[in-house]
Amino acid sequence: MADEQQVSSLFNADFERRGQYDDRGDIYESKSFNNIKPDAAADQLYVIATVIAGLQERPLHTNEPHDGSEILQV
């Protein structure tokens, strides 16, 4: 039997940059935030993303959490 345990969390925020690639669409700049508490709720991450976006010169395009899990044998 196996069990999944969340061990880390990463949060990415993508900001729009001026300009476009020739044929691939808009250009985005990504900022990553490490050491996010694994039990942080989605609404908490959203609040942080909107606060950070308010401090940036470029508008926020997307924000997404990336949770790292580990599969353990029980």
C-alpha atoms as a PDB file:
ATOM      1  CA  MET A   1       0.000   0.000   0.000  1.00  0.00           C
ATOM      2  CA  ALA A   2       1.235   3.522  -0.769  1.00  0.00           C
ATOM      3  CA  ASP A   3       0.450   6.974   0.548  1.00  0.00           C
ATOM      4  CA  GLU A   4       1.033  10.421  -0.963  1.00  0.00           C
ATOM      5  CA  GLN A   5       2.556  13.163   1.179  1.00  0.00           C
ATOM      6  CA  GLN A   6       2.965  16.757   0.063  1.00  0.00           C
ATOM      7  CA  VAL A   7       6.539  17.840   0.784  1.00  0.00           C
ATOM      8  CA  SER A   8       7.017  21.164  -0.991  1.00  0.00           C
ATOM      9  CA  SER A   9       5.198  23.940  -2.726  1.00  0.00           C
ATOM     10  CA  LEU A  10       6.175  26.429  -5.408  1.00  0.00           C
ATOM     11  CA  PHE A  11       4.172  29.385  -6.700  1.00  0.00           C
ATOM     12  CA  ASN A  12       4.617  30.876 -10.194  1.00  0.00           C
ATOM     13  CA  ALA A  13       3.307  34.245 -11.341  1.00  0.00           C
ATOM     14  CA  ASP A  14       3.453  35.144 -15.043  1.00  0.00           C
ATOM     15  CA  PHE A  15       3.521  38.808 -16.030  1.00  0.00           C
ATOM     16  CA  GLU A  16       2.871  40.212 -19.502  1.00  0.00           C
ATOM     17  CA  ARG A  17       5.761  41.916 -21.276  1.00  0.00           C
ATOM     18  CA  ARG A  18       5.452  44.388 -24.078  1.00  0.00           C
ATOM     19  CA  GLY A  19       5.875  42.826 -27.486  1.00  0.00           C
ATOM     20  CA  GLN A  20       5.214  39.526 -29.139  1.00  0.00           C
ATOM     21  CA  TYR A  21       7.158  36.698 -30.666  1.00  0.00           C
ATOM     22  CA  ASP A  22       6.914  36.512 -34.446  1.00  0.00           C
ATOM     23  CA  ASP A  23       4.534  33.559 -34.582  1.00  0.00           C
ATOM     24  CA  ARG A  24       4.189  32.301 -30.995  1.00  0.00           C
ATOM     25  CA  GLY A  25       2.078  35.052 -29.400  1.00  0.00           C
ATOM     26  CA  ASP A  26       2.688  37.252 -26.389  1.00  0.00           C
ATOM     27  CA  ILE A  27       5.845  37.322 -24.273  1.00  0.00           C
ATOM     28  CA  TYR A  28       5.550  36.575 -20.553  1.00  0.00           C
ATOM     29  CA  GLU A  29       7.991  36.878 -17.687  1.00  0.00           C
ATOM     30  CA  SER A  30       7.700  34.333 -14.890  1.00  0.00           C
ATOM     31  CA  LYS A  31       8.572  34.853 -11.242  1.00  0.00           C
ATOM     32  CA  SER A  32       8.795  31.869  -8.913  1.00  0.00           C
ATOM     33  CA  PHE A  33       8.371  31.857  -5.159  1.00  0.00           C
ATOM     34  CA  ASN A  34       9.782  28.871  -3.233  1.00  0.00           C
ATOM     35  CA  ASN A  35       9.142  27.599   0.276  1.00  0.00           C
ATOM     36  CA  ILE A  36       5.412  28.229   0.191  1.00  0.00           C
ATOM     37  CA  LYS A  37       3.683  26.384   3.037  1.00  0.00           C
ATOM     38  CA  PRO A  38       2.248  23.164   1.600  1.00  0.00           C
ATOM     39  CA  ASP A  39      -1.024  23.739   3.466  1.00  0.00           C
ATOM     40  CA  ALA A  40      -1.546  27.254   2.022  1.00  0.00           C
ATOM     41  CA  ALA A  41      -5.088  27.604   0.659  1.00  0.00           C
ATOM     42  CA  ALA A  42      -5.843  28.699  -2.897  1.00  0.00           C
ATOM     43  CA  ASP A  43      -7.521  31.908  -1.695  1.00  0.00           C
ATOM     44  CA  GLN A  44      -4.402  32.813   0.310  1.00  0.00           C
ATOM     45  CA  LEU A  45      -2.201  32.350  -2.769  1.00  0.00           C
ATOM     46  CA  TYR A  46      -4.617  34.461  -4.827  1.00  0.00           C
ATOM     47  CA  VAL A  47      -4.444  37.327  -2.317  1.00  0.00           C
ATOM     48  CA  ILE A  48      -0.635  37.230  -2.383  1.00  0.00           C
ATOM     49  CA  ALA A  49      -0.616  37.167  -6.203  1.00  0.00           C
ATOM     50  CA  THR A  50      -2.855  40.237  -6.418  1.00  0.00           C
ATOM     51  CA  VAL A  51      -0.722  42.122  -3.883  1.00  0.00           C
ATOM     52  CA  ILE A  52       2.474  41.275  -5.789  1.00  0.00           C
ATOM     53  CA  ALA A  53       0.784  42.252  -9.066  1.00  0.00           C
ATOM     54  CA  GLY A  54      -0.023  45.648  -7.581  1.00  0.00           C
ATOM     55  CA  LEU A  55       3.693  46.242  -7.007  1.00  0.00           C
ATOM     56  CA  GLN A  56       4.750  45.224 -10.525  1.00  0.00           C
ATOM     57  CA  GLU A  57       4.970  47.449 -13.589  1.00  0.00           C
ATOM     58  CA  ARG A  58       3.570  44.680 -15.803  1.00  0.00           C
ATOM     59  CA  PRO A  59       0.057  43.215 -15.493  1.00  0.00           C
ATOM     60  CA  LEU A  60      -0.406  39.740 -14.015  1.00  0.00           C
ATOM     61  CA  HIS A  61      -1.369  37.120 -16.606  1.00  0.00           C
ATOM     62  CA  THR A  62      -1.573  33.885 -14.602  1.00  0.00           C
ATOM     63  CA  ASN A  63      -0.664  32.537 -11.197  1.00  0.00           C
ATOM     64  CA  GLU A  64      -0.366  28.864 -10.452  1.00  0.00           C
ATOM     65  CA  PRO A  65       0.808  26.717  -7.573  1.00  0.00           C
ATOM     66  CA  HIS A  66       3.001  23.670  -8.157  1.00  0.00           C
ATOM     67  CA  ASP A  67       2.832  21.167  -5.329  1.00  0.00           C
ATOM     68  CA  GLY A  68       5.550  18.600  -4.911  1.00  0.00           C
ATOM     69  CA  SER A  69       4.366  15.275  -3.567  1.00  0.00           C
ATOM     70  CA  GLU A  70       6.202  12.172  -2.548  1.00  0.00           C
ATOM     71  CA  ILE A  71       4.815   8.640  -2.774  1.00  0.00           C
ATOM     72  CA  LEU A  72       5.664   6.579   0.300  1.00  0.00           C
ATOM     73  CA  GLN A  73       5.182   2.916   1.035  1.00  0.00           C
ATOM     74  CA  VAL A  74       2.969   2.393   4.080  1.00  0.00           C
END
